Amino acid sequence: MFGRLGPTELILILVIVLVIFGPAKLPEIGKSIGRSLQEFKKATTERPDDSPDPDERKEDS
């Protein structure tokens, strides 16, 4: 159903977005999408700080 998007479809989508949001909002939307993608990449590649290292665990005796 959603095969490859050709140049005609991409232009049509761009025109619809331009009509809905207007030319003044497009840079702001692009920046927010870029920041979101950067944060997502950073979150998926970083090691979570929640899990302690095995060497740092304290043993209660």
Protein backbone atom coordinates (compact mmCIF):
# COMPACT_ATOMS: atom_id res chain seq x y z
CA MET A 1 0.00 0.00 0.00
CA PHE A 2 2.76 2.46 0.94
CA GLY A 3 5.35 1.65 -1.68
CA ARG A 4 8.19 3.89 -2.64
CA LEU A 5 7.55 7.61 -2.69
CA GLY A 6 8.50 9.24 -5.94
CA PRO A 7 9.33 12.88 -6.58
CA THR A 8 5.71 13.73 -7.43
CA GLU A 9 4.43 12.37 -4.13
CA LEU A 10 7.15 14.16 -2.15
CA ILE A 11 6.31 17.47 -3.83
CA LEU A 12 2.62 16.94 -3.11
CA ILE A 13 3.34 16.23 0.57
CA LEU A 14 5.57 19.33 0.79
CA VAL A 15 2.85 21.53 -0.74
CA ILE A 16 0.22 20.18 1.68
CA VAL A 17 2.52 20.80 4.67
CA LEU A 18 3.27 24.28 3.39
CA VAL A 19 -0.43 25.10 3.06
CA ILE A 20 -1.27 23.72 6.51
CA PHE A 21 1.57 25.26 8.55
CA GLY A 22 2.67 28.21 6.43
CA PRO A 23 6.20 29.20 5.40
CA ALA A 24 7.02 30.84 8.75
CA LYS A 25 6.54 27.65 10.79
CA LEU A 26 8.51 25.25 8.56
CA PRO A 27 12.01 26.07 9.93
CA GLU A 28 10.72 25.74 13.49
CA ILE A 29 9.14 22.37 12.71
CA GLY A 30 12.34 21.18 11.04
CA LYS A 31 14.44 22.18 14.05
CA SER A 32 12.16 20.40 16.49
CA ILE A 33 12.15 17.22 14.39
CA GLY A 34 15.95 17.34 14.16
CA ARG A 35 16.31 17.77 17.92
CA SER A 36 13.93 14.89 18.54
CA LEU A 37 15.91 12.60 16.24
CA GLN A 38 19.19 13.59 17.93
CA GLU A 39 17.77 12.88 21.38
CA PHE A 40 16.40 9.53 20.20
CA LYS A 41 19.76 8.51 18.73
CA LYS A 42 21.55 9.60 21.89
CA ALA A 43 19.13 7.68 24.09
CA THR A 44 19.44 4.49 22.05
CA THR A 45 23.25 4.50 21.88
CA GLU A 46 24.10 5.52 25.45
CA ARG A 47 24.44 3.02 28.24
CA PRO A 48 21.75 3.56 30.83
CA ASP A 49 23.03 4.92 34.14
CA ASP A 50 20.40 3.00 36.09
CA SER A 51 22.28 -0.30 36.09
CA PRO A 52 25.34 -0.30 38.35
CA ASP A 53 28.60 -1.85 37.26
CA PRO A 54 29.37 -5.25 38.83
CA ASP A 55 32.54 -3.81 40.40
CA GLU A 56 30.66 -0.98 42.09
CA ARG A 57 28.12 -3.16 43.88
CA LYS A 58 28.50 -3.36 47.64
CA GLU A 59 28.11 -6.67 49.35
CA ASP A 60 26.33 -6.71 52.68
CA SER A 61 27.86 -9.29 55.01
